[in-house]
Amino acid sequence: MDHPVRLADQLRAHLCALRKQRGLTQAQLGQRLGIGQVRVAEIEARPGLVSTDQLIQLLSALGATLVLRDGGTAAASPGPAPPLAARKRGAKAAGRSAPPAPPRKGSW
């Protein structure tokens, strides 16, 4: 079954649902990946902060794959994201703090 994801935040529900469909607890999934339950909970809560490699490892442990599908014309797809500095300025201007830095590459 396909689960279209257009925003990183949409991954939350999909990852949790996949884990539960497989009858796994966060601790059991963590054992498969060699990480703790707390880290699995963090990944499920904020999947946009993990590396692509880590996401693919997690999906593989769940028996799922990542598929990129051409969505059609360029007009239908969103433009490139603004530079990180501009996003941080926009967040501060709106009274929000900038998002936390992602984990270091290769770290779970």
Protein backbone atom coordinates (compact mmCIF):
# COMPACT_ATOMS: atom_id res chain seq x y z
CA MET A 1 0.00 0.00 0.00
CA ASP A 2 1.32 3.47 -0.85
CA HIS A 3 1.47 6.18 1.81
CA PRO A 4 2.04 9.53 0.08
CA VAL A 5 4.19 11.87 2.15
CA ARG A 6 4.60 15.48 1.12
CA LEU A 7 5.87 16.87 4.44
CA ALA A 8 8.34 15.39 6.93
CA ASP A 9 5.76 15.78 9.70
CA GLN A 10 3.47 13.35 7.86
CA LEU A 11 6.04 10.62 8.45
CA ARG A 12 5.16 10.57 12.16
CA ALA A 13 1.84 8.82 11.75
CA HIS A 14 3.12 6.51 9.01
CA LEU A 15 6.16 5.30 10.97
CA CYS A 16 4.12 4.67 14.11
CA ALA A 17 1.40 2.88 12.13
CA LEU A 18 3.93 0.67 10.32
CA ARG A 19 5.54 -0.30 13.62
CA LYS A 20 2.19 -1.14 15.20
CA GLN A 21 1.04 -3.09 12.12
CA ARG A 22 4.15 -5.23 12.53
CA GLY A 23 3.22 -5.82 16.18
CA LEU A 24 6.39 -4.15 17.44
CA THR A 25 6.93 -1.94 20.44
CA GLN A 26 9.38 0.93 20.22
CA ALA A 27 11.79 -1.12 22.35
CA GLN A 28 11.57 -4.11 20.01
CA LEU A 29 12.16 -1.94 16.95
CA GLY A 30 15.09 -0.33 18.75
CA GLN A 31 16.59 -3.78 19.38
CA ARG A 32 16.40 -4.54 15.66
CA LEU A 33 18.22 -1.30 14.91
CA GLY A 34 20.70 -1.45 17.79
CA ILE A 35 19.29 1.69 19.42
CA GLY A 36 17.19 2.35 22.51
CA GLN A 37 13.45 2.82 22.85
CA VAL A 38 13.91 6.51 23.65
CA ARG A 39 15.68 7.07 20.31
CA VAL A 40 12.88 5.28 18.43
CA ALA A 41 10.38 7.55 20.19
CA GLU A 42 12.42 10.60 19.16
CA ILE A 43 12.55 9.44 15.54
CA GLU A 44 8.80 8.82 15.47
CA ALA A 45 8.15 12.23 17.02
CA ARG A 46 10.51 14.16 14.71
CA PRO A 47 11.35 12.02 11.67
CA GLY A 48 12.44 15.03 9.64
CA LEU A 49 15.54 15.33 11.78
CA VAL A 50 17.05 11.92 10.95
CA SER A 51 19.33 11.33 8.00
CA THR A 52 18.03 9.64 4.89
CA ASP A 53 20.30 6.69 5.64
CA GLN A 54 18.81 6.29 9.11
CA LEU A 55 15.27 6.60 7.77
CA ILE A 56 15.95 3.90 5.18
CA GLN A 57 17.41 1.63 7.89
CA LEU A 58 14.33 2.16 10.03
CA LEU A 59 11.98 1.46 7.12
CA SER A 60 13.96 -1.65 6.24
CA ALA A 61 13.63 -2.91 9.83
CA LEU A 62 9.87 -2.44 9.42
CA GLY A 63 9.81 -4.29 6.09
CA ALA A 64 9.01 -1.10 4.19
CA THR A 65 10.81 0.81 1.45
CA LEU A 66 11.21 4.41 0.41
CA VAL A 67 9.89 5.09 -3.10
CA LEU A 68 10.36 8.33 -5.02
CA ARG A 69 7.68 8.87 -7.62
CA ASP A 70 7.61 11.60 -10.24
CA GLY A 71 4.61 13.70 -9.29
CA GLY A 72 4.07 15.15 -12.75
CA THR A 73 4.92 18.54 -14.15
CA ALA A 74 7.33 20.99 -12.59
CA ALA A 75 4.45 23.45 -12.09
CA ALA A 76 2.75 21.01 -9.72
CA SER A 77 5.80 20.65 -7.50
CA PRO A 78 6.83 23.24 -4.92
CA GLY A 79 9.84 25.40 -5.61
CA PRO A 80 13.15 24.99 -3.82
CA ALA A 81 13.21 25.65 -0.10
CA PRO A 82 14.62 29.01 0.96
CA PRO A 83 18.14 28.97 2.38
CA LEU A 84 18.37 27.90 6.01
CA ALA A 85 19.39 31.39 7.16
CA ALA A 86 16.24 32.85 5.61
CA ARG A 87 14.07 30.21 7.28
CA LYS A 88 15.66 30.98 10.65
CA ARG A 89 15.09 34.71 10.20
CA GLY A 90 11.46 34.02 9.25
CA ALA A 91 10.96 31.87 12.35
CA LYS A 92 12.44 34.54 14.61
CA ALA A 93 10.37 37.26 12.97
CA ALA A 94 7.25 35.20 13.63
CA GLY A 95 8.20 34.87 17.31
CA ARG A 96 9.23 31.23 17.05
CA SER A 97 12.63 29.82 17.79
CA ALA A 98 14.63 28.19 15.02
CA PRO A 99 14.37 24.41 14.79
CA PRO A 100 17.05 22.46 16.65
CA ALA A 101 20.06 21.27 14.73
CA PRO A 102 19.73 17.76 13.30
CA PRO A 103 21.80 14.95 14.83
CA ARG A 104 25.36 14.65 13.63
CA LYS A 105 25.81 12.56 10.49
CA GLY A 106 26.07 8.89 11.33
CA SER A 107 24.69 9.28 14.84
CA TRP A 108 21.43 7.74 15.90
